[in-house]
C-alpha atoms as a PDB file:
ATOM      1  CA  MET A   1       0.031  -0.026  -0.009  1.00  0.00           C
ATOM      2  CA  SER A   2       1.456   3.448  -0.905  1.00  0.00           C
ATOM      3  CA  SER A   3       2.253   6.144   1.636  1.00  0.00           C
ATOM      4  CA  ALA A   4      -0.270   8.483  -0.008  1.00  0.00           C
ATOM      5  CA  VAL A   5      -3.161   5.901   0.508  1.00  0.00           C
ATOM      6  CA  GLU A   6      -2.030   5.243   4.235  1.00  0.00           C
ATOM      7  CA  ALA A   7      -1.995   8.971   4.851  1.00  0.00           C
ATOM      8  CA  ALA A   8      -5.561   9.294   3.445  1.00  0.00           C
ATOM      9  CA  ILE A   9      -6.742   6.435   5.766  1.00  0.00           C
ATOM     10  CA  SER A  10      -5.106   8.049   8.734  1.00  0.00           C
ATOM     11  CA  CYS A  11      -6.683  11.439   8.072  1.00  0.00           C
ATOM     12  CA  SER A  12     -10.128  10.007   7.765  1.00  0.00           C
ATOM     13  CA  LYS A  13     -10.071   8.670  11.247  1.00  0.00           C
ATOM     14  CA  VAL A  14      -9.464  12.172  12.905  1.00  0.00           C
ATOM     15  CA  ASP A  15     -12.735  13.716  14.205  1.00  0.00           C
ATOM     16  CA  VAL A  16     -11.584  17.143  13.820  1.00  0.00           C
ATOM     17  CA  PRO A  17     -12.009  18.302  10.093  1.00  0.00           C
ATOM     18  CA  ALA A  18      -8.609  19.277   8.522  1.00  0.00           C
ATOM     19  CA  ALA A  19      -7.976  22.794   7.288  1.00  0.00           C
ATOM     20  CA  PRO A  20      -8.108  23.211   3.540  1.00  0.00           C
ATOM     21  CA  GLU A  21      -4.791  22.704   1.810  1.00  0.00           C
ATOM     22  CA  PRO A  22      -3.199  25.519  -0.212  1.00  0.00           C
ATOM     23  CA  GLU A  23      -3.519  25.165  -3.901  1.00  0.00           C
ATOM     24  CA  GLU A  24       0.152  24.518  -4.459  1.00  0.00           C
ATOM     25  CA  ALA A  25       0.220  21.721  -1.901  1.00  0.00           C
ATOM     26  CA  ALA A  26      -2.832  20.029  -3.239  1.00  0.00           C
ATOM     27  CA  ALA A  27      -1.389  20.316  -6.790  1.00  0.00           C
ATOM     28  CA  SER A  28       2.033  18.713  -5.493  1.00  0.00           C
ATOM     29  CA  LYS A  29       0.033  15.780  -3.855  1.00  0.00           C
ATOM     30  CA  ALA A  30      -1.936  15.155  -6.926  1.00  0.00           C
ATOM     31  CA  LYS A  31       1.450  15.167  -8.996  1.00  0.00           C
ATOM     32  CA  ASN A  32       2.978  12.711  -6.561  1.00  0.00           C
ATOM     33  CA  ALA A  33      -0.042  10.407  -6.642  1.00  0.00           C
ATOM     34  CA  ALA A  34       0.033  10.225 -10.488  1.00  0.00           C
ATOM     35  CA  ALA A  35       3.737   9.432 -10.332  1.00  0.00           C
ATOM     36  CA  GLU A  36       3.160   6.623  -8.025  1.00  0.00           C
ATOM     37  CA  HIS A  37       0.558   5.214 -10.315  1.00  0.00           C
ATOM     38  CA  GLY A  38       2.776   5.737 -13.187  1.00  0.00           C
ATOM     39  CA  GLY A  39       5.671   3.941 -11.411  1.00  0.00           C
ATOM     40  CA  ASP A  40       3.281   0.950 -10.774  1.00  0.00           C
ATOM     41  CA  ALA A  41       2.612   0.704 -14.559  1.00  0.00           C
ATOM     42  CA  ALA A  42       6.320   1.008 -15.369  1.00  0.00           C
ATOM     43  CA  ASN A  43       6.956  -1.834 -13.003  1.00  0.00           C
ATOM     44  CA  GLY A  44       4.536  -4.096 -14.880  1.00  0.00           C
ATOM     45  CA  LYS A  45       1.548  -3.772 -12.678  1.00  0.00           C
ATOM     46  CA  CYS A  46      -1.310  -3.663 -15.172  1.00  0.00           C
ATOM     47  CA  GLY A  47      -4.112  -1.349 -14.335  1.00  0.00           C
ATOM     48  CA  GLU A  48      -7.636  -1.716 -15.369  1.00  0.00           C
ATOM     49  CA  ALA A  49      -8.049   1.459 -17.374  1.00  0.00           C
ATOM     50  CA  THR A  50      -4.928   1.402 -19.892  1.00  0.00           C
ATOM     51  CA  PRO A  51      -2.569  -1.594 -19.470  1.00  0.00           C
ATOM     52  CA  PRO A  52       0.803  -1.183 -20.885  1.00  0.00           C
ATOM     53  CA  PRO A  53       1.550  -3.065 -24.188  1.00  0.00           C
ATOM     54  CA  HIS A  54       3.803  -5.550 -22.533  1.00  0.00           C
ATOM     55  CA  CYS A  55       1.083  -6.867 -20.461  1.00  0.00           C
ATOM     56  CA  HIS A  56      -0.318  -8.675 -23.497  1.00  0.00           C
ATOM     57  CA  GLU A  57       2.801 -10.209 -24.931  1.00  0.00           C
ATOM     58  CA  ASP A  58       2.459 -12.729 -27.699  1.00  0.00           C
ATOM     59  CA  GLU A  59       2.023 -16.213 -26.305  1.00  0.00           C
ATOM     60  CA  GLU A  60       3.927 -17.774 -29.195  1.00  0.00           C
ATOM     61  CA  ASP A  61       6.986 -15.442 -28.689  1.00  0.00           C
ATOM     62  CA  GLU A  62       7.048 -16.336 -25.002  1.00  0.00           C
ATOM     63  CA  GLU A  63       7.218 -19.997 -25.718  1.00  0.00           C
ATOM     64  CA  GLU A  64       9.745 -19.634 -28.458  1.00  0.00           C
ATOM     65  CA  ALA A  65      11.977 -17.523 -26.294  1.00  0.00           C
ATOM     66  CA  PRO A  66      13.131 -19.623 -23.320  1.00  0.00           C
ATOM     67  CA  LYS A  67      15.456 -18.182 -20.801  1.00  0.00           C
ATOM     68  CA  VAL A  68      18.902 -18.338 -22.172  1.00  0.00           C
ATOM     69  CA  ILE A  69      21.332 -20.424 -20.127  1.00  0.00           C
ATOM     70  CA  ASP A  70      24.950 -19.584 -20.573  1.00  0.00           C
ATOM     71  CA  LEU A  71      26.759 -22.914 -21.121  1.00  0.00           C
ATOM     72  CA  GLY A  72      30.098 -21.292 -22.158  1.00  0.00           C
ATOM     73  CA  PRO A  73      31.650 -21.243 -25.595  1.00  0.00           C
ATOM     74  CA  ARG A  74      30.729 -23.910 -28.036  1.00  0.00           C
ATOM     75  CA  VAL A  75      33.482 -26.511 -28.573  1.00  0.00           C
ATOM     76  CA  SER A  76      33.740 -28.694 -31.892  1.00  0.00           C
ATOM     77  CA  ILE A  77      33.271 -32.430 -31.282  1.00  0.00           C
ATOM     78  CA  LYS A  78      36.959 -33.166 -32.356  1.00  0.00           C
ATOM     79  CA  ASP A  79      38.157 -30.871 -29.588  1.00  0.00           C
ATOM     80  CA  GLN A  80      35.741 -32.500 -27.172  1.00  0.00           C
ATOM     81  CA  LEU A  81      37.272 -35.892 -27.906  1.00  0.00           C
ATOM     82  CA  GLU A  82      40.737 -34.556 -27.710  1.00  0.00           C
ATOM     83  CA  LYS A  83      40.174 -33.142 -24.237  1.00  0.00           C
ATOM     84  CA  ASP A  84      41.329 -35.388 -21.407  1.00  0.00           C
ATOM     85  CA  LYS A  85      42.120 -38.151 -23.936  1.00  0.00           C
ATOM     86  CA  ASP A  86      44.394 -39.666 -21.478  1.00  0.00           C
ATOM     87  CA  ASP A  87      41.665 -40.203 -19.108  1.00  0.00           C
ATOM     88  CA  GLU A  88      40.308 -43.738 -20.201  1.00  0.00           C
ATOM     89  CA  SER A  89      37.080 -43.635 -18.398  1.00  0.00           C
ATOM     90  CA  LEU A  90      36.274 -40.084 -19.394  1.00  0.00           C
ATOM     91  CA  ARG A  91      37.008 -41.001 -23.048  1.00  0.00           C
ATOM     92  CA  ARG A  92      34.827 -43.967 -23.012  1.00  0.00           C
ATOM     93  CA  TRP A  93      32.050 -41.824 -21.595  1.00  0.00           C
ATOM     94  CA  LYS A  94      32.439 -39.254 -24.384  1.00  0.00           C
ATOM     95  CA  GLU A  95      32.425 -41.980 -26.930  1.00  0.00           C
ATOM     96  CA  GLN A  96      29.211 -43.409 -25.561  1.00  0.00           C
ATOM     97  CA  LEU A  97      27.460 -39.956 -25.271  1.00  0.00           C
ATOM     98  CA  LEU A  98      28.458 -39.003 -28.827  1.00  0.00           C
ATOM     99  CA  GLY A  99      27.802 -42.398 -30.484  1.00  0.00           C
ATOM    100  CA  SER A 100      29.409 -43.305 -33.724  1.00  0.00           C
ATOM    101  CA  VAL A 101      30.564 -39.870 -34.850  1.00  0.00           C
ATOM    102  CA  ASP A 102      32.606 -39.757 -38.074  1.00  0.00           C
ATOM    103  CA  LEU A 103      35.374 -37.202 -37.159  1.00  0.00           C
ATOM    104  CA  ASN A 104      36.112 -36.756 -40.772  1.00  0.00           C
ATOM    105  CA  SER A 105      32.631 -35.310 -41.437  1.00  0.00           C
ATOM    106  CA  VAL A 106      32.564 -33.019 -38.201  1.00  0.00           C
ATOM    107  CA  GLY A 107      36.035 -31.529 -38.392  1.00  0.00           C
ATOM    108  CA  GLU A 108      36.435 -28.063 -36.627  1.00  0.00           C
ATOM    109  CA  THR A 109      32.794 -26.883 -37.243  1.00  0.00           C
ATOM    110  CA  LEU A 110      31.024 -25.468 -34.115  1.00  0.00           C
ATOM    111  CA  GLU A 111      27.538 -25.024 -35.535  1.00  0.00           C
ATOM    112  CA  PRO A 112      25.292 -28.106 -35.943  1.00  0.00           C
ATOM    113  CA  ASP A 113      23.431 -28.580 -39.259  1.00  0.00           C
ATOM    114  CA  VAL A 114      20.017 -30.274 -39.183  1.00  0.00           C
ATOM    115  CA  LYS A 115      18.269 -31.140 -42.439  1.00  0.00           C
ATOM    116  CA  ILE A 116      14.523 -32.253 -42.198  1.00  0.00           C
ATOM    117  CA  MET A 117      14.571 -34.977 -44.871  1.00  0.00           C
ATOM    118  CA  SER A 118      10.843 -36.109 -44.761  1.00  0.00           C
ATOM    119  CA  LEU A 119       7.483 -35.482 -43.219  1.00  0.00           C
ATOM    120  CA  SER A 120       4.670 -37.921 -43.201  1.00  0.00           C
ATOM    121  CA  ILE A 121       1.351 -38.456 -41.492  1.00  0.00           C
ATOM    122  CA  LEU A 122       0.471 -42.040 -40.195  1.00  0.00           C
ATOM    123  CA  SER A 123      -3.262 -43.123 -39.592  1.00  0.00           C
ATOM    124  CA  PRO A 124      -4.292 -46.683 -38.805  1.00  0.00           C
ATOM    125  CA  GLY A 125      -5.673 -48.420 -41.789  1.00  0.00           C
ATOM    126  CA  ARG A 126      -4.628 -45.845 -44.157  1.00  0.00           C
ATOM    127  CA  PRO A 127      -1.563 -45.414 -46.588  1.00  0.00           C
ATOM    128  CA  ASP A 128       0.971 -43.042 -45.032  1.00  0.00           C
ATOM    129  CA  ILE A 129       0.630 -39.526 -46.294  1.00  0.00           C
ATOM    130  CA  PHE A 130       4.037 -38.296 -47.521  1.00  0.00           C
ATOM    131  CA  LEU A 131       4.362 -34.478 -47.653  1.00  0.00           C
ATOM    132  CA  PRO A 132       6.871 -33.241 -50.157  1.00  0.00           C
ATOM    133  CA  LEU A 133       9.927 -31.299 -49.221  1.00  0.00           C
ATOM    134  CA  PRO A 134      11.268 -28.887 -49.820  1.00  0.00           C
ATOM    135  CA  VAL A 135       8.046 -26.811 -50.062  1.00  0.00           C
ATOM    136  CA  GLU A 136       7.817 -24.462 -52.891  1.00  0.00           C
ATOM    137  CA  PRO A 137       7.981 -20.747 -51.891  1.00  0.00           C
ATOM    138  CA  ASN A 138       4.529 -19.150 -51.893  1.00  0.00           C
ATOM    139  CA  ALA A 139       2.905 -22.355 -52.860  1.00  0.00           C
ATOM    140  CA  LYS A 140      -0.847 -22.260 -52.976  1.00  0.00           C
ATOM    141  CA  GLY A 141      -3.402 -25.009 -52.649  1.00  0.00           C
ATOM    142  CA  VAL A 142      -4.206 -27.511 -49.812  1.00  0.00           C
ATOM    143  CA  TRP A 143      -1.175 -29.550 -48.815  1.00  0.00           C
ATOM    144  CA  PHE A 144      -3.065 -32.474 -47.432  1.00  0.00           C
ATOM    145  CA  THR A 145      -6.702 -33.609 -46.138  1.00  0.00           C
ATOM    146  CA  LEU A 146      -7.429 -35.429 -43.174  1.00  0.00           C
ATOM    147  CA  LYS A 147     -10.947 -37.224 -42.070  1.00  0.00           C
ATOM    148  CA  GLU A 148     -12.502 -35.747 -38.920  1.00  0.00           C
ATOM    149  CA  GLY A 149     -12.185 -37.733 -35.792  1.00  0.00           C
ATOM    150  CA  SER A 150      -9.323 -39.859 -37.201  1.00  0.00           C
ATOM    151  CA  PRO A 151      -6.261 -40.977 -35.066  1.00  0.00           C
ATOM    152  CA  TYR A 152      -3.004 -39.911 -36.522  1.00  0.00           C
ATOM    153  CA  ARG A 153       0.789 -39.571 -35.752  1.00  0.00           C
ATOM    154  CA  LEU A 154       3.430 -37.453 -37.325  1.00  0.00           C
ATOM    155  CA  LYS A 155       6.767 -39.016 -38.499  1.00  0.00           C
ATOM    156  CA  PHE A 156       9.893 -36.905 -38.974  1.00  0.00           C
ATOM    157  CA  THR A 157      13.146 -38.024 -40.506  1.00  0.00           C
ATOM    158  CA  PHE A 158      16.159 -35.663 -40.201  1.00  0.00           C
ATOM    159  CA  SER A 159      19.906 -35.729 -40.379  1.00  0.00           C
ATOM    160  CA  VAL A 160      22.411 -34.089 -37.938  1.00  0.00           C
ATOM    161  CA  SER A 161      25.966 -33.143 -38.942  1.00  0.00           C
ATOM    162  CA  ASN A 162      28.882 -31.034 -37.804  1.00  0.00           C
ATOM    163  CA  ASN A 163      28.008 -30.822 -34.127  1.00  0.00           C
ATOM    164  CA  ILE A 164      25.569 -31.769 -31.348  1.00  0.00           C
ATOM    165  CA  VAL A 165      22.218 -30.085 -31.768  1.00  0.00           C
ATOM    166  CA  SER A 166      20.678 -29.402 -28.367  1.00  0.00           C
ATOM    167  CA  GLY A 167      16.875 -29.326 -27.582  1.00  0.00           C
ATOM    168  CA  LEU A 168      15.547 -29.949 -31.186  1.00  0.00           C
ATOM    169  CA  ARG A 169      11.817 -29.193 -30.977  1.00  0.00           C
ATOM    170  CA  TYR A 170       8.890 -29.051 -33.373  1.00  0.00           C
ATOM    171  CA  THR A 171       6.077 -26.377 -33.029  1.00  0.00           C
ATOM    172  CA  ASN A 172       2.918 -26.205 -34.919  1.00  0.00           C
ATOM    173  CA  THR A 173       0.487 -23.311 -34.843  1.00  0.00           C
ATOM    174  CA  VAL A 174      -3.065 -23.775 -36.582  1.00  0.00           C
ATOM    175  CA  TRP A 175      -5.486 -21.051 -37.520  1.00  0.00           C
ATOM    176  CA  LYS A 176      -9.209 -21.230 -38.901  1.00  0.00           C
ATOM    177  CA  THR A 177     -10.887 -18.211 -40.294  1.00  0.00           C
ATOM    178  CA  GLY A 178      -8.066 -15.943 -38.781  1.00  0.00           C
ATOM    179  CA  LEU A 179      -8.419 -17.327 -35.228  1.00  0.00           C
ATOM    180  CA  LYS A 180      -5.789 -19.402 -33.463  1.00  0.00           C
ATOM    181  CA  VAL A 181      -7.354 -22.655 -32.745  1.00  0.00           C
ATOM    182  CA  ASP A 182      -4.411 -25.021 -31.739  1.00  0.00           C
ATOM    183  CA  ARG A 183      -0.625 -24.846 -30.819  1.00  0.00           C
ATOM    184  CA  ALA A 184       1.422 -27.897 -30.333  1.00  0.00           C
ATOM    185  CA  LYS A 185       5.059 -28.168 -29.247  1.00  0.00           C
ATOM    186  CA  GLU A 186       6.948 -31.401 -29.184  1.00  0.00           C
ATOM    187  CA  MET A 187      10.464 -31.830 -27.812  1.00  0.00           C
ATOM    188  CA  LEU A 188      12.431 -34.183 -29.963  1.00  0.00           C
ATOM    189  CA  GLY A 189      15.628 -34.223 -27.985  1.00  0.00           C
ATOM    190  CA  THR A 190      19.372 -33.626 -28.244  1.00  0.00           C
ATOM    191  CA  PHE A 191      21.238 -35.565 -31.042  1.00  0.00           C
ATOM    192  CA  SER A 192      24.933 -36.018 -32.114  1.00  0.00           C
ATOM    193  CA  PRO A 193      25.944 -36.195 -35.666  1.00  0.00           C
ATOM    194  CA  GLN A 194      25.828 -39.552 -37.493  1.00  0.00           C
ATOM    195  CA  LEU A 195      25.778 -40.872 -40.900  1.00  0.00           C
ATOM    196  CA  GLU A 196      22.318 -42.579 -40.614  1.00  0.00           C
ATOM    197  CA  PRO A 197      19.288 -40.201 -40.387  1.00  0.00           C
ATOM    198  CA  TYR A 198      17.185 -40.014 -37.223  1.00  0.00           C
ATOM    199  CA  THR A 199      13.504 -40.922 -37.158  1.00  0.00           C
ATOM    200  CA  TYR A 200      10.990 -39.500 -34.660  1.00  0.00           C
ATOM    201  CA  VAL A 201       7.243 -40.362 -34.301  1.00  0.00           C
ATOM    202  CA  THR A 202       4.831 -38.246 -32.200  1.00  0.00           C
ATOM    203  CA  PRO A 203       2.434 -39.535 -29.724  1.00  0.00           C
ATOM    204  CA  GLU A 204      -1.054 -40.226 -31.229  1.00  0.00           C
ATOM    205  CA  ASP A 205      -3.531 -37.563 -31.634  1.00  0.00           C
ATOM    206  CA  THR A 206      -7.107 -37.290 -33.134  1.00  0.00           C
ATOM    207  CA  THR A 207      -8.386 -34.706 -35.586  1.00  0.00           C
ATOM    208  CA  PRO A 208     -11.312 -32.633 -34.396  1.00  0.00           C
ATOM    209  CA  SER A 209     -14.869 -33.722 -35.609  1.00  0.00           C
ATOM    210  CA  GLY A 210     -18.277 -31.943 -36.099  1.00  0.00           C
ATOM    211  CA  MET A 211     -19.702 -29.332 -38.402  1.00  0.00           C
ATOM    212  CA  PHE A 212     -17.595 -26.566 -36.881  1.00  0.00           C
ATOM    213  CA  ALA A 213     -14.292 -28.567 -37.143  1.00  0.00           C
ATOM    214  CA  ARG A 214     -14.720 -29.318 -40.801  1.00  0.00           C
ATOM    215  CA  GLY A 215     -13.090 -26.824 -43.402  1.00  0.00           C
ATOM    216  CA  SER A 216      -9.932 -25.304 -44.267  1.00  0.00           C
ATOM    217  CA  TYR A 217      -7.066 -24.396 -42.031  1.00  0.00           C
ATOM    218  CA  SER A 218      -3.857 -22.462 -42.177  1.00  0.00           C
ATOM    219  CA  ALA A 219      -0.752 -23.564 -40.206  1.00  0.00           C
ATOM    220  CA  ARG A 220       2.914 -22.757 -39.478  1.00  0.00           C
ATOM    221  CA  THR A 221       5.468 -25.512 -38.628  1.00  0.00           C
ATOM    222  CA  LYS A 222       8.912 -24.856 -37.284  1.00  0.00           C
ATOM    223  CA  PHE A 223      11.923 -27.001 -36.315  1.00  0.00           C
ATOM    224  CA  LEU A 224      14.159 -25.079 -33.739  1.00  0.00           C
ATOM    225  CA  ASP A 225      16.849 -25.734 -31.149  1.00  0.00           C
ATOM    226  CA  ASP A 226      17.695 -24.358 -27.832  1.00  0.00           C
ATOM    227  CA  ASP A 227      19.445 -21.497 -29.465  1.00  0.00           C
ATOM    228  CA  ARG A 228      16.179 -20.687 -31.318  1.00  0.00           C
ATOM    229  CA  LYS A 229      18.001 -21.498 -34.618  1.00  0.00           C
ATOM    230  CA  CYS A 230      15.335 -22.405 -37.072  1.00  0.00           C
ATOM    231  CA  TYR A 231      16.214 -25.236 -39.498  1.00  0.00           C
ATOM    232  CA  LEU A 232      12.763 -25.341 -41.271  1.00  0.00           C
ATOM    233  CA  GLU A 233       9.664 -23.262 -41.415  1.00  0.00           C
ATOM    234  CA  ILE A 234       6.713 -24.132 -43.388  1.00  0.00           C
ATOM    235  CA  ASN A 235       3.472 -22.244 -44.017  1.00  0.00           C
ATOM    236  CA  TYR A 236       0.653 -24.145 -45.477  1.00  0.00           C
ATOM    237  CA  THR A 237      -3.064 -24.988 -45.529  1.00  0.00           C
ATOM    238  CA  PHE A 238      -4.819 -28.284 -44.987  1.00  0.00           C
ATOM    239  CA  ASP A 239      -8.495 -29.536 -45.019  1.00  0.00           C
ATOM    240  CA  ILE A 240     -10.518 -31.580 -42.452  1.00  0.00           C
ATOM    241  CA  ARG A 241     -13.383 -33.273 -44.273  1.00  0.00           C
ATOM    242  CA  ARG A 242     -16.098 -35.999 -43.592  1.00  0.00           C
ATOM    243  CA  GLU A 243     -14.160 -38.535 -45.511  1.00  0.00           C
ATOM    244  CA  TRP A 244     -10.668 -39.298 -46.462  1.00  0.00           C
ATOM    245  CA  PRO A 245      -9.716 -38.174 -49.990  1.00  0.00           C
ATOM    246  CA  SER A 246      -9.948 -40.736 -52.824  1.00  0.00           C
ATOM    247  CA  THR A 247      -6.562 -42.450 -53.287  1.00  0.00           C
ATOM    248  CA  SER A 248      -7.241 -43.504 -56.896  1.00  0.00           C
END
C-alpha cells in the first residue's frame, strides 16, 4: 500500500476536520499520486484502465524465447574428444555419449546442421501421407486432407551433422478463419552427428470432428533448437473433411 493511501486512511480517522490545503500543496500531492501510479505501470502492474503493451505479450513469442542459459563457448566435437584423452574412463563416456561420430565429417565446425528430410502423417488402416519437401515458396493450394475424428501420428526423418544439436523441437500453430485454434510443441531431444538419419514419431492424436471442425485451416510448422536457430519453417493450408480423399 502506498504512503499516500495510508495517509488518506489516517486522516479519515481524525474527528476534527482538517484545514483546507493551499492550492500549491494540493497540486503537489496530486502530482505525487500520479507519479506513484505511473511507477506501478512501469513496473509491470497492469491497471484496469490502460494496461501497458507488454501486459499482452504474444504467447507464441514467450514459448519460443526460453530463458537463455550460458553454457560457455561452443566447442567442436573433435576438440571435445581430444580433451582429457589420457583419461580412459572419461574417453569411453564421451564416446558413448556422442555415439558413432565420423570425425572426418565434423572437423572443426562449431554450429550443428540439421536437415529435415521427410515429413509424413500416419493413420491406422490408411496409406501413409508423405508431404513433399522442400516446400515451394508461396505455394498455394491444400497440402493435405484429413478425415474428421481420425487418429494420427506425425513422423519426422532428419539428419544431424557438424556438431551436437541441443533441444531440437517441433512447433505447430493452426488458425481457422483467422483465429488461432491450436498450438502444439513437441520436444524431439538432443542429437549427435551420425551418418544415418534419425526418425521420430509423435504420440497419437485425433483430428477434431463436427460441423464446426470441418473446413480449411492454415498452419505454420517450425523446427528449432535451444539457441532458437530455425532449421525449417513451413506455412501451408490443409483441410478436415467428412471422409478421406480418394487414393485412386
